[in-house]
Structure formats: C-alpha cells, structure tokens
PDB file of N, CA and C in Angstrom:
ATOM      1  N   UNK A   1     110.614 101.127  32.962  1.00  0.00           N
ATOM      2  CA  UNK A   1     110.453 100.322  34.156  1.00  0.00           C
ATOM      3  C   UNK A   1     109.674 101.135  35.181  1.00  0.00           C
ATOM      4  N   UNK A   2     108.861 100.477  35.942  1.00  0.00           N
ATOM      5  CA  UNK A   2     108.061 101.137  36.968  1.00  0.00           C
ATOM      6  C   UNK A   2     108.961 101.551  38.136  1.00  0.00           C
ATOM      7  N   UNK A   3     108.424 102.416  38.987  1.00  0.00           N
ATOM      8  CA  UNK A   3     109.151 102.843  40.174  1.00  0.00           C
ATOM      9  C   UNK A   3     109.461 101.631  41.043  1.00  0.00           C
ATOM     10  N   UNK A   4     110.676 101.599  41.624  1.00  0.00           N
ATOM     11  CA  UNK A   4     111.068 100.428  42.401  1.00  0.00           C
ATOM     12  C   UNK A   4     110.279 100.357  43.706  1.00  0.00           C
ATOM     13  N   UNK A   5     110.203  99.152  44.250  1.00  0.00           N
ATOM     14  CA  UNK A   5     109.417  98.879  45.444  1.00  0.00           C
ATOM     15  C   UNK A   5     110.370  98.366  46.517  1.00  0.00           C
ATOM     16  N   UNK A   6     110.339  98.977  47.696  1.00  0.00           N
ATOM     17  CA  UNK A   6     111.219  98.558  48.783  1.00  0.00           C
ATOM     18  C   UNK A   6     110.735  97.265  49.438  1.00  0.00           C
ATOM     19  N   UNK A   7     109.472  96.936  49.259  1.00  0.00           N
ATOM     20  CA  UNK A   7     108.940  95.704  49.837  1.00  0.00           C
ATOM     21  C   UNK A   7     109.449  94.501  49.054  1.00  0.00           C
ATOM     22  N   UNK A   8     109.607  93.358  49.727  1.00  0.00           N
ATOM     23  CA  UNK A   8     110.016  92.156  48.995  1.00  0.00           C
ATOM     24  C   UNK A   8     108.896  91.671  48.070  1.00  0.00           C
ATOM     25  N   UNK A   9     109.289  91.022  47.011  1.00  0.00           N
ATOM     26  CA  UNK A   9     108.309  90.511  46.051  1.00  0.00           C
ATOM     27  C   UNK A   9     107.450  89.439  46.725  1.00  0.00           C
ATOM     28  N   UNK A  10     106.141  89.502  46.583  1.00  0.00           N
ATOM     29  CA  UNK A  10     105.284  88.451  47.145  1.00  0.00           C
ATOM     30  C   UNK A  10     105.588  87.100  46.486  1.00  0.00           C
ATOM     31  N   UNK A  11     105.474  86.058  47.270  1.00  0.00           N
ATOM     32  CA  UNK A  11     105.814  84.715  46.805  1.00  0.00           C
ATOM     33  C   UNK A  11     105.038  84.337  45.534  1.00  0.00           C
ATOM     34  N   UNK A  12     103.739  84.690  45.479  1.00  0.00           N
ATOM     35  CA  UNK A  12     102.942  84.292  44.322  1.00  0.00           C
ATOM     36  C   UNK A  12     103.402  85.006  43.046  1.00  0.00           C
ATOM     37  N   UNK A  13     103.914  86.231  43.181  1.00  0.00           N
ATOM     38  CA  UNK A  13     104.427  86.930  42.008  1.00  0.00           C
ATOM     39  C   UNK A  13     105.782  86.373  41.582  1.00  0.00           C
ATOM     40  N   UNK A  14     106.609  86.030  42.553  1.00  0.00           N
ATOM     41  CA  UNK A  14     107.903  85.413  42.231  1.00  0.00           C
ATOM     42  C   UNK A  14     107.685  84.091  41.503  1.00  0.00           C
ATOM     43  N   UNK A  15     106.738  83.295  41.986  1.00  0.00           N
ATOM     44  CA  UNK A  15     106.439  82.014  41.338  1.00  0.00           C
ATOM     45  C   UNK A  15     105.858  82.224  39.947  1.00  0.00           C
ATOM     46  N   UNK A  16     105.000  83.221  39.793  1.00  0.00           N
ATOM     47  CA  UNK A  16     104.404  83.503  38.486  1.00  0.00           C
ATOM     48  C   UNK A  16     105.474  83.923  37.486  1.00  0.00           C
ATOM     49  N   UNK A  17     106.437  84.739  37.917  1.00  0.00           N
ATOM     50  CA  UNK A  17     107.492  85.152  36.995  1.00  0.00           C
ATOM     51  C   UNK A  17     108.361  83.952  36.621  1.00  0.00           C
ATOM     52  N   UNK A  18     108.645  83.085  37.569  1.00  0.00           N
ATOM     53  CA  UNK A  18     109.408  81.874  37.259  1.00  0.00           C
ATOM     54  C   UNK A  18     108.665  81.039  36.217  1.00  0.00           C
ATOM     55  N   UNK A  19     107.355  80.901  36.364  1.00  0.00           N
ATOM     56  CA  UNK A  19     106.547  80.152  35.391  1.00  0.00           C
ATOM     57  C   UNK A  19     106.539  80.858  34.036  1.00  0.00           C
ATOM     58  N   UNK A  20     106.500  82.185  34.050  1.00  0.00           N
ATOM     59  CA  UNK A  20     106.529  82.944  32.792  1.00  0.00           C
ATOM     60  C   UNK A  20     107.848  82.728  32.059  1.00  0.00           C
ATOM     61  N   UNK A  21     108.948  82.777  32.782  1.00  0.00           N
ATOM     62  CA  UNK A  21     110.265  82.557  32.164  1.00  0.00           C
ATOM     63  C   UNK A  21     110.359  81.137  31.626  1.00  0.00           C
ATOM     64  N   UNK A  22     109.951  80.168  32.422  1.00  0.00           N
ATOM     65  CA  UNK A  22     110.021  78.779  31.974  1.00  0.00           C
ATOM     66  C   UNK A  22     109.062  78.532  30.812  1.00  0.00           C
ATOM     67  N   UNK A  23     107.896  79.167  30.832  1.00  0.00           N
ATOM     68  CA  UNK A  23     106.901  78.994  29.786  1.00  0.00           C
ATOM     69  C   UNK A  23     107.226  79.712  28.498  1.00  0.00           C
ATOM     70  N   UNK A  24     108.125  80.677  28.545  1.00  0.00           N
ATOM     71  CA  UNK A  24     108.469  81.449  27.348  1.00  0.00           C
ATOM     72  C   UNK A  24     109.045  80.563  26.255  1.00  0.00           C
ATOM     73  N   UNK A  25     109.684  79.499  26.649  1.00  0.00           N
ATOM     74  CA  UNK A  25     110.277  78.571  25.681  1.00  0.00           C
ATOM     75  C   UNK A  25     109.211  78.002  24.735  1.00  0.00           C
ATOM     76  N   UNK A  26     107.987  77.842  25.235  1.00  0.00           N
ATOM     77  CA  UNK A  26     106.898  77.289  24.429  1.00  0.00           C
ATOM     78  C   UNK A  26     106.004  78.362  23.823  1.00  0.00           C
ATOM     79  N   UNK A  27     106.227  79.616  24.185  1.00  0.00           N
ATOM     80  CA  UNK A  27     105.418  80.733  23.725  1.00  0.00           C
ATOM     81  C   UNK A  27     105.676  80.981  22.244  1.00  0.00           C
ATOM     82  N   UNK A  28     104.637  81.321  21.507  1.00  0.00           N
ATOM     83  CA  UNK A  28     104.788  81.635  20.090  1.00  0.00           C
ATOM     84  C   UNK A  28     104.040  82.928  19.796  1.00  0.00           C
ATOM     85  N   UNK A  29     104.660  83.843  19.045  1.00  0.00           N
ATOM     86  CA  UNK A  29     104.050  85.156  18.828  1.00  0.00           C
ATOM     87  C   UNK A  29     102.746  85.139  18.035  1.00  0.00           C
ATOM     88  N   UNK A  30     102.463  84.085  17.286  1.00  0.00           N
ATOM     89  CA  UNK A  30     101.232  84.044  16.499  1.00  0.00           C
ATOM     90  C   UNK A  30     100.046  83.469  17.275  1.00  0.00           C
ATOM     91  N   UNK A  31     100.282  83.086  18.506  1.00  0.00           N
ATOM     92  CA  UNK A  31      99.210  82.565  19.352  1.00  0.00           C
ATOM     93  C   UNK A  31      99.046  83.507  20.535  1.00  0.00           C
ATOM     94  N   UNK A  32      97.931  83.425  21.180  1.00  0.00           N
ATOM     95  CA  UNK A  32      97.666  84.337  22.298  1.00  0.00           C
ATOM     96  C   UNK A  32      98.727  84.219  23.385  1.00  0.00           C
ATOM     97  N   UNK A  33      99.303  83.074  23.509  1.00  0.00           N
ATOM     98  CA  UNK A  33     100.354  82.899  24.502  1.00  0.00           C
ATOM     99  C   UNK A  33      99.870  82.168  25.726  1.00  0.00           C
ATOM    100  N   UNK A  34     100.832  81.691  26.447  1.00  0.00           N
ATOM    101  CA  UNK A  34     100.556  80.946  27.659  1.00  0.00           C
ATOM    102  C   UNK A  34     100.022  81.876  28.736  1.00  0.00           C
ATOM    103  N   UNK A  35      99.029  81.425  29.450  1.00  0.00           N
ATOM    104  CA  UNK A  35      98.475  82.177  30.562  1.00  0.00           C
ATOM    105  C   UNK A  35      99.055  81.613  31.856  1.00  0.00           C
ATOM    106  N   UNK A  36      99.517  82.503  32.693  1.00  0.00           N
ATOM    107  CA  UNK A  36     100.159  82.126  33.949  1.00  0.00           C
ATOM    108  C   UNK A  36      99.158  82.336  35.085  1.00  0.00           C
ATOM    109  N   UNK A  37      98.981  81.312  35.896  1.00  0.00           N
ATOM    110  CA  UNK A  37      98.078  81.402  37.038  1.00  0.00           C
ATOM    111  C   UNK A  37      98.794  82.076  38.202  1.00  0.00           C
ATOM    112  N   UNK A  38      98.111  83.049  38.792  1.00  0.00           N
ATOM    113  CA  UNK A  38      98.625  83.701  39.990  1.00  0.00           C
ATOM    114  C   UNK A  38      97.582  83.513  41.075  1.00  0.00           C
ATOM    115  N   UNK A  39      97.988  82.900  42.152  1.00  0.00           N
ATOM    116  CA  UNK A  39      97.081  82.589  43.248  1.00  0.00           C
ATOM    117  C   UNK A  39      96.269  83.816  43.653  1.00  0.00           C
ATOM    118  N   UNK A  40      94.955  83.677  43.588  1.00  0.00           N
ATOM    119  CA  UNK A  40      94.057  84.742  43.990  1.00  0.00           C
ATOM    120  C   UNK A  40      93.899  85.874  42.984  1.00  0.00           C
ATOM    121  N   UNK A  41      94.570  85.784  41.832  1.00  0.00           N
ATOM    122  CA  UNK A  41      94.526  86.869  40.848  1.00  0.00           C
ATOM    123  C   UNK A  41      94.133  86.386  39.452  1.00  0.00           C
ATOM    124  N   UNK A  42      93.824  85.109  39.300  1.00  0.00           N
ATOM    125  CA  UNK A  42      93.429  84.591  37.998  1.00  0.00           C
ATOM    126  C   UNK A  42      94.607  84.292  37.095  1.00  0.00           C
ATOM    127  N   UNK A  43      94.347  84.337  35.791  1.00  0.00           N
ATOM    128  CA  UNK A  43      95.349  84.006  34.777  1.00  0.00           C
ATOM    129  C   UNK A  43      95.796  85.271  34.060  1.00  0.00           C
ATOM    130  N   UNK A  44      97.102  85.322  33.748  1.00  0.00           N
ATOM    131  CA  UNK A  44      97.683  86.508  33.134  1.00  0.00           C
ATOM    132  C   UNK A  44      98.657  86.111  32.035  1.00  0.00           C
ATOM    133  N   UNK A  45      98.779  86.976  31.037  1.00  0.00           N
ATOM    134  CA  UNK A  45      99.760  86.758  29.977  1.00  0.00           C
ATOM    135  C   UNK A  45     101.168  86.948  30.533  1.00  0.00           C
ATOM    136  N   UNK A  46     102.152  86.499  29.787  1.00  0.00           N
ATOM    137  CA  UNK A  46     103.546  86.700  30.188  1.00  0.00           C
ATOM    138  C   UNK A  46     103.821  88.194  30.339  1.00  0.00           C
ATOM    139  N   UNK A  47     103.329  88.995  29.395  1.00  0.00           N
ATOM    140  CA  UNK A  47     103.543  90.445  29.469  1.00  0.00           C
ATOM    141  C   UNK A  47     102.915  91.032  30.733  1.00  0.00           C
ATOM    142  N   UNK A  48     101.724  90.577  31.075  1.00  0.00           N
ATOM    143  CA  UNK A  48     101.062  91.080  32.282  1.00  0.00           C
ATOM    144  C   UNK A  48     101.835  90.692  33.540  1.00  0.00           C
ATOM    145  N   UNK A  49     102.359  89.483  33.579  1.00  0.00           N
ATOM    146  CA  UNK A  49     103.172  89.056  34.725  1.00  0.00           C
ATOM    147  C   UNK A  49     104.398  89.964  34.848  1.00  0.00           C
ATOM    148  N   UNK A  50     105.019  90.265  33.713  1.00  0.00           N
ATOM    149  CA  UNK A  50     106.172  91.181  33.739  1.00  0.00           C
ATOM    150  C   UNK A  50     105.776  92.525  34.342  1.00  0.00           C
ATOM    151  N   UNK A  51     104.601  93.009  33.993  1.00  0.00           N
ATOM    152  CA  UNK A  51     104.120  94.273  34.539  1.00  0.00           C
ATOM    153  C   UNK A  51     103.880  94.230  36.040  1.00  0.00           C
ATOM    154  N   UNK A  52     103.572  93.062  36.553  1.00  0.00           N
ATOM    155  CA  UNK A  52     103.332  92.925  37.994  1.00  0.00           C
ATOM    156  C   UNK A  52     104.628  92.845  38.798  1.00  0.00           C
ATOM    157  N   UNK A  53     105.722  92.416  38.169  1.00  0.00           N
ATOM    158  CA  UNK A  53     106.978  92.241  38.913  1.00  0.00           C
ATOM    159  C   UNK A  53     108.029  93.297  38.586  1.00  0.00           C
ATOM    160  N   UNK A  54     107.754  94.169  37.614  1.00  0.00           N
ATOM    161  CA  UNK A  54     108.815  95.067  37.143  1.00  0.00           C
ATOM    162  C   UNK A  54     109.225  96.166  38.118  1.00  0.00           C
ATOM    163  N   UNK A  55     108.593  96.229  39.277  1.00  0.00           N
ATOM    164  CA  UNK A  55     108.988  97.217  40.284  1.00  0.00           C
ATOM    165  C   UNK A  55     109.784  96.594  41.437  1.00  0.00           C
ATOM    166  N   UNK A  56     109.976  95.297  41.395  1.00  0.00           N
ATOM    167  CA  UNK A  56     110.663  94.624  42.500  1.00  0.00           C
ATOM    168  C   UNK A  56     112.143  94.421  42.184  1.00  0.00           C
ATOM    169  N   UNK A  57     112.964  94.815  43.142  1.00  0.00           N
ATOM    170  CA  UNK A  57     114.413  94.748  42.944  1.00  0.00           C
ATOM    171  C   UNK A  57     115.057  93.570  43.675  1.00  0.00           C
ATOM    172  N   UNK A  58     114.249  92.619  44.099  1.00  0.00           N
ATOM    173  CA  UNK A  58     114.798  91.404  44.705  1.00  0.00           C
ATOM    174  C   UNK A  58     115.610  90.660  43.644  1.00  0.00           C
ATOM    175  N   UNK A  59     116.649  89.955  44.063  1.00  0.00           N
ATOM    176  CA  UNK A  59     117.430  89.191  43.091  1.00  0.00           C
ATOM    177  C   UNK A  59     116.638  87.997  42.546  1.00  0.00           C
ATOM    178  N   UNK A  60     116.867  87.709  41.272  1.00  0.00           N
ATOM    179  CA  UNK A  60     116.236  86.535  40.662  1.00  0.00           C
ATOM    180  C   UNK A  60     116.866  85.263  41.202  1.00  0.00           C
ATOM    181  N   UNK A  61     116.087  84.213  41.410  1.00  0.00           N
ATOM    182  CA  UNK A  61     116.679  82.926  41.757  1.00  0.00           C
ATOM    183  C   UNK A  61     117.589  82.459  40.617  1.00  0.00           C
ATOM    184  N   UNK A  62     118.616  81.731  40.958  1.00  0.00           N
ATOM    185  CA  UNK A  62     119.620  81.311  39.977  1.00  0.00           C
ATOM    186  C   UNK A  62     118.992  80.573  38.794  1.00  0.00           C
ATOM    187  N   UNK A  63     118.059  79.648  39.048  1.00  0.00           N
ATOM    188  CA  UNK A  63     117.479  78.867  37.950  1.00  0.00           C
ATOM    189  C   UNK A  63     116.666  79.747  36.995  1.00  0.00           C
ATOM    190  N   UNK A  64     116.017  80.790  37.524  1.00  0.00           N
ATOM    191  CA  UNK A  64     115.245  81.708  36.685  1.00  0.00           C
ATOM    192  C   UNK A  64     116.205  82.573  35.861  1.00  0.00           C
ATOM    193  N   UNK A  65     117.236  83.077  36.510  1.00  0.00           N
ATOM    194  CA  UNK A  65     118.242  83.882  35.818  1.00  0.00           C
ATOM    195  C   UNK A  65     118.898  83.083  34.688  1.00  0.00           C
ATOM    196  N   UNK A  66     119.288  81.858  34.979  1.00  0.00           N
ATOM    197  CA  UNK A  66     119.957  81.031  33.962  1.00  0.00           C
ATOM    198  C   UNK A  66     119.025  80.705  32.796  1.00  0.00           C
ATOM    199  N   UNK A  67     117.760  80.423  33.078  1.00  0.00           N
ATOM    200  CA  UNK A  67     116.817  80.115  31.999  1.00  0.00           C
ATOM    201  C   UNK A  67     116.563  81.355  31.146  1.00  0.00           C
ATOM    202  N   UNK A  68     116.383  82.494  31.778  1.00  0.00           N
ATOM    203  CA  UNK A  68     116.180  83.737  31.034  1.00  0.00           C
ATOM    204  C   UNK A  68     117.394  84.031  30.161  1.00  0.00           C
ATOM    205  N   UNK A  69     118.567  83.875  30.714  1.00  0.00           N
ATOM    206  CA  UNK A  69     119.803  84.116  29.958  1.00  0.00           C
ATOM    207  C   UNK A  69     119.917  83.147  28.781  1.00  0.00           C
ATOM    208  N   UNK A  70     119.420  81.939  28.926  1.00  0.00           N
ATOM    209  CA  UNK A  70     119.540  80.933  27.863  1.00  0.00           C
ATOM    210  C   UNK A  70     118.758  81.320  26.605  1.00  0.00           C
ATOM    211  N   UNK A  71     117.776  82.210  26.725  1.00  0.00           N
ATOM    212  CA  UNK A  71     116.999  82.655  25.570  1.00  0.00           C
ATOM    213  C   UNK A  71     117.712  83.746  24.780  1.00  0.00           C
ATOM    214  N   UNK A  72     118.733  84.321  25.367  1.00  0.00           N
ATOM    215  CA  UNK A  72     119.405  85.458  24.745  1.00  0.00           C
ATOM    216  C   UNK A  72     120.639  85.002  23.980  1.00  0.00           C
ATOM    217  N   UNK A  73     120.830  85.630  22.849  1.00  0.00           N
ATOM    218  CA  UNK A  73     122.006  85.372  22.031  1.00  0.00           C
ATOM    219  C   UNK A  73     122.831  86.650  22.016  1.00  0.00           C
ATOM    220  N   UNK A  74     124.134  86.520  21.801  1.00  0.00           N
ATOM    221  CA  UNK A  74     125.004  87.690  21.847  1.00  0.00           C
ATOM    222  C   UNK A  74     124.481  88.826  20.981  1.00  0.00           C
ATOM    223  N   UNK A  75     123.961  88.501  19.837  1.00  0.00           N
ATOM    224  CA  UNK A  75     123.340  89.490  18.957  1.00  0.00           C
ATOM    225  C   UNK A  75     121.937  89.006  18.668  1.00  0.00           C
ATOM    226  N   UNK A  76     120.931  89.733  18.792  1.00  0.00           N
ATOM    227  CA  UNK A  76     120.842  91.166  19.082  1.00  0.00           C
ATOM    228  C   UNK A  76     120.637  91.485  20.554  1.00  0.00           C
ATOM    229  N   UNK A  77     120.942  90.569  21.454  1.00  0.00           N
ATOM    230  CA  UNK A  77     120.603  90.751  22.866  1.00  0.00           C
ATOM    231  C   UNK A  77     121.771  91.161  23.748  1.00  0.00           C
ATOM    232  N   UNK A  78     122.867  91.626  23.168  1.00  0.00           N
ATOM    233  CA  UNK A  78     124.046  91.967  23.964  1.00  0.00           C
ATOM    234  C   UNK A  78     123.754  92.958  25.079  1.00  0.00           C
ATOM    235  N   UNK A  79     122.938  93.975  24.795  1.00  0.00           N
ATOM    236  CA  UNK A  79     122.619  94.977  25.819  1.00  0.00           C
ATOM    237  C   UNK A  79     121.779  94.368  26.946  1.00  0.00           C
ATOM    238  N   UNK A  80     120.868  93.456  26.581  1.00  0.00           N
ATOM    239  CA  UNK A  80     120.047  92.799  27.610  1.00  0.00           C
ATOM    240  C   UNK A  80     120.902  91.911  28.503  1.00  0.00           C
ATOM    241  N   UNK A  81     121.801  91.172  27.886  1.00  0.00           N
ATOM    242  CA  UNK A  81     122.677  90.276  28.649  1.00  0.00           C
ATOM    243  C   UNK A  81     123.495  91.083  29.651  1.00  0.00           C
ATOM    244  N   UNK A  82     124.091  92.179  29.178  1.00  0.00           N
ATOM    245  CA  UNK A  82     124.922  93.013  30.053  1.00  0.00           C
ATOM    246  C   UNK A  82     124.106  93.559  31.216  1.00  0.00           C
ATOM    247  N   UNK A  83     122.906  94.056  30.935  1.00  0.00           N
ATOM    248  CA  UNK A  83     122.067  94.628  31.989  1.00  0.00           C
ATOM    249  C   UNK A  83     121.623  93.556  32.986  1.00  0.00           C
ATOM    250  N   UNK A  84     121.249  92.397  32.487  1.00  0.00           N
ATOM    251  CA  UNK A  84     120.796  91.313  33.360  1.00  0.00           C
ATOM    252  C   UNK A  84     121.924  90.821  34.261  1.00  0.00           C
ATOM    253  N   UNK A  85     123.116  90.710  33.721  1.00  0.00           N
ATOM    254  CA  UNK A  85     124.241  90.248  34.528  1.00  0.00           C
ATOM    255  C   UNK A  85     124.676  91.309  35.541  1.00  0.00           C
ATOM    256  N   UNK A  86     124.522  92.589  35.176  1.00  0.00           N
ATOM    257  CA  UNK A  86     124.884  93.681  36.077  1.00  0.00           C
ATOM    258  C   UNK A  86     123.861  93.827  37.203  1.00  0.00           C
ATOM    259  N   UNK A  87     122.591  93.585  36.873  1.00  0.00           N
ATOM    260  CA  UNK A  87     121.500  93.820  37.831  1.00  0.00           C
ATOM    261  C   UNK A  87     120.462  92.698  37.697  1.00  0.00           C
ATOM    262  N   UNK A  88     120.761  91.509  38.241  1.00  0.00           N
ATOM    263  CA  UNK A  88     119.876  90.349  38.064  1.00  0.00           C
ATOM    264  C   UNK A  88     118.665  90.350  39.002  1.00  0.00           C
ATOM    265  N   UNK A  89     117.763  91.308  38.774  1.00  0.00           N
ATOM    266  CA  UNK A  89     116.585  91.460  39.627  1.00  0.00           C
ATOM    267  C   UNK A  89     115.314  91.137  38.843  1.00  0.00           C
ATOM    268  N   UNK A  90     114.210  91.071  39.560  1.00  0.00           N
ATOM    269  CA  UNK A  90     112.920  90.866  38.897  1.00  0.00           C
ATOM    270  C   UNK A  90     112.628  92.027  37.949  1.00  0.00           C
ATOM    271  N   UNK A  91     112.952  93.244  38.361  1.00  0.00           N
ATOM    272  CA  UNK A  91     112.698  94.406  37.510  1.00  0.00           C
ATOM    273  C   UNK A  91     113.449  94.277  36.179  1.00  0.00           C
ATOM    274  N   UNK A  92     114.722  93.955  36.240  1.00  0.00           N
ATOM    275  CA  UNK A  92     115.512  93.801  35.018  1.00  0.00           C
ATOM    276  C   UNK A  92     115.062  92.577  34.239  1.00  0.00           C
ATOM    277  N   UNK A  93     114.761  91.501  34.936  1.00  0.00           N
ATOM    278  CA  UNK A  93     114.275  90.291  34.270  1.00  0.00           C
ATOM    279  C   UNK A  93     112.989  90.542  33.505  1.00  0.00           C
ATOM    280  N   UNK A  94     112.094  91.343  34.080  1.00  0.00           N
ATOM    281  CA  UNK A  94     110.832  91.669  33.401  1.00  0.00           C
ATOM    282  C   UNK A  94     111.091  92.462  32.129  1.00  0.00           C
ATOM    283  N   UNK A  95     112.005  93.420  32.182  1.00  0.00           N
ATOM    284  CA  UNK A  95     112.363  94.196  30.993  1.00  0.00           C
ATOM    285  C   UNK A  95     112.924  93.272  29.917  1.00  0.00           C
ATOM    286  N   UNK A  96     113.805  92.374  30.314  1.00  0.00           N
ATOM    287  CA  UNK A  96     114.421  91.443  29.363  1.00  0.00           C
ATOM    288  C   UNK A  96     113.387  90.520  28.727  1.00  0.00           C
ATOM    289  N   UNK A  97     112.506  89.944  29.536  1.00  0.00           N
ATOM    290  CA  UNK A  97     111.508  89.016  29.002  1.00  0.00           C
ATOM    291  C   UNK A  97     110.553  89.738  28.053  1.00  0.00           C
ATOM    292  N   UNK A  98     110.166  90.948  28.397  1.00  0.00           N
ATOM    293  CA  UNK A  98     109.303  91.733  27.498  1.00  0.00           C
ATOM    294  C   UNK A  98     110.011  92.022  26.178  1.00  0.00           C
ATOM    295  N   UNK A  99     111.282  92.396  26.243  1.00  0.00           N
ATOM    296  CA  UNK A  99     112.028  92.685  25.012  1.00  0.00           C
ATOM    297  C   UNK A  99     112.161  91.437  24.155  1.00  0.00           C
ATOM    298  N   UNK A 100     112.406  90.297  24.778  1.00  0.00           N
ATOM    299  CA  UNK A 100     112.493  89.048  24.021  1.00  0.00           C
ATOM    300  C   UNK A 100     111.175  88.755  23.320  1.00  0.00           C
ATOM    301  N   UNK A 101     110.070  88.972  24.016  1.00  0.00           N
ATOM    302  CA  UNK A 101     108.756  88.743  23.419  1.00  0.00           C
ATOM    303  C   UNK A 101     108.506  89.718  22.281  1.00  0.00           C
ATOM    304  N   UNK A 102     108.922  90.964  22.439  1.00  0.00           N
ATOM    305  CA  UNK A 102     108.749  91.966  21.386  1.00  0.00           C
ATOM    306  C   UNK A 102     109.543  91.579  20.145  1.00  0.00           C
ATOM    307  N   UNK A 103     110.760  91.126  20.345  1.00  0.00           N
ATOM    308  CA  UNK A 103     111.583  90.680  19.215  1.00  0.00           C
ATOM    309  C   UNK A 103     110.911  89.494  18.527  1.00  0.00           C
ATOM    310  N   UNK A 104     110.389  88.558  19.309  1.00  0.00           N
ATOM    311  CA  UNK A 104     109.697  87.406  18.738  1.00  0.00           C
ATOM    312  C   UNK A 104     108.426  87.823  18.011  1.00  0.00           C
ATOM    313  N   UNK A 105     107.709  88.818  18.543  1.00  0.00           N
ATOM    314  CA  UNK A 105     106.499  89.299  17.875  1.00  0.00           C
ATOM    315  C   UNK A 105     106.835  89.861  16.500  1.00  0.00           C
ATOM    316  N   UNK A 106     107.908  90.654  16.432  1.00  0.00           N
ATOM    317  CA  UNK A 106     108.320  91.205  15.141  1.00  0.00           C
ATOM    318  C   UNK A 106     108.739  90.093  14.190  1.00  0.00           C
ATOM    319  N   UNK A 107     109.470  89.125  14.700  1.00  0.00           N
ATOM    320  CA  UNK A 107     109.922  88.003  13.881  1.00  0.00           C
ATOM    321  C   UNK A 107     108.735  87.187  13.387  1.00  0.00           C
ATOM    322  N   UNK A 108     107.749  86.962  14.255  1.00  0.00           N
ATOM    323  CA  UNK A 108     106.545  86.210  13.860  1.00  0.00           C
ATOM    324  C   UNK A 108     105.754  86.947  12.808  1.00  0.00           C
ATOM    325  N   UNK A 109     105.678  88.276  12.895  1.00  0.00           N
ATOM    326  CA  UNK A 109     104.962  89.057  11.896  1.00  0.00           C
ATOM    327  C   UNK A 109     105.652  88.961  10.538  1.00  0.00           C
ATOM    328  N   UNK A 110     106.972  88.979  10.539  1.00  0.00           N
ATOM    329  CA  UNK A 110     107.722  88.851   9.285  1.00  0.00           C
ATOM    330  C   UNK A 110     107.488  87.466   8.671  1.00  0.00           C
ATOM    331  N   UNK A 111     107.506  86.428   9.507  1.00  0.00           N
ATOM    332  CA  UNK A 111     107.252  85.066   9.020  1.00  0.00           C
ATOM    333  C   UNK A 111     105.859  84.959   8.431  1.00  0.00           C
ATOM    334  N   UNK A 112     104.908  85.677   8.961  1.00  0.00           N
ATOM    335  CA  UNK A 112     103.512  85.609   8.492  1.00  0.00           C
ATOM    336  C   UNK A 112     103.288  86.540   7.299  1.00  0.00           C
ATOM    337  N   UNK A 113     104.341  87.249   6.859  1.00  0.00           N
ATOM    338  CA  UNK A 113     104.231  88.115   5.719  1.00  0.00           C
ATOM    339  C   UNK A 113     103.726  89.510   6.044  1.00  0.00           C
ATOM    340  N   UNK A 114     103.724  89.873   7.308  1.00  0.00           N
ATOM    341  CA  UNK A 114     103.283  91.206   7.712  1.00  0.00           C
ATOM    342  C   UNK A 114     104.517  92.099   7.839  1.00  0.00           C
ATOM    343  N   UNK A 115     104.373  93.403   7.678  1.00  0.00           N
ATOM    344  CA  UNK A 115     105.530  94.312   7.792  1.00  0.00           C
ATOM    345  C   UNK A 115     106.050  94.429   9.204  1.00  0.00           C
TER     346      UNK A 115
END
C-alpha cells in the first residue's frame, strides 16, 4: 500500500473507485476490462483506479463497502474480509479489489488452459 495521505480523497477519485467496485461485477480477466472515467484524467483500468486511491484513509461509503464485501467469500478471502471490516477505507478497499482481480486473473488463466 502507498504512503497514507492526510488530505481527504478528491470527489472524482471517490466516484471513480465507486464505479470500479460496481463495475467489477462485470469485469472478466480474459478481457482488457472496464475503463473508468475520471473527470479531467481520462479513462483508467480498475487496477489503475486502485492505484490512485490506495493512499487515502477516508472511510468507504456504506454502499461501496457492502458491494466490495459481496464479492468476497469466506474462503479464500477470509483475510481480506477481516482487514476490510477492521479498516473500511479507500486504501484497504483498493488492496481488496486488486487482490480480487488477481485471484480472478489466475482463475481465468486456468480456465483458458494456461498455468
């Protein structure tokens, strides 16, 4: 995780992360992935959005937290669930969303017959 930022998260980054979390449901590891629009900054991948918010310790809005949590299952995500519930911030949410995508990438590679 990047160094934390004492400044509040800019509104456009908070909105972009909310869109990334909501869009993850439709994301598939074998495709380039959904691009998230950030006002004045163009389009970014879900991973890139996570990189832009991973230093902010503001609390996640309830709807974003609940949607992110809905993607996690007790196994293999028990550690992510515990961390997210203990520290429900953008920084922790970004780590969780990236890990979920990484797990999906590995799963997609196995489905495609890759090691």
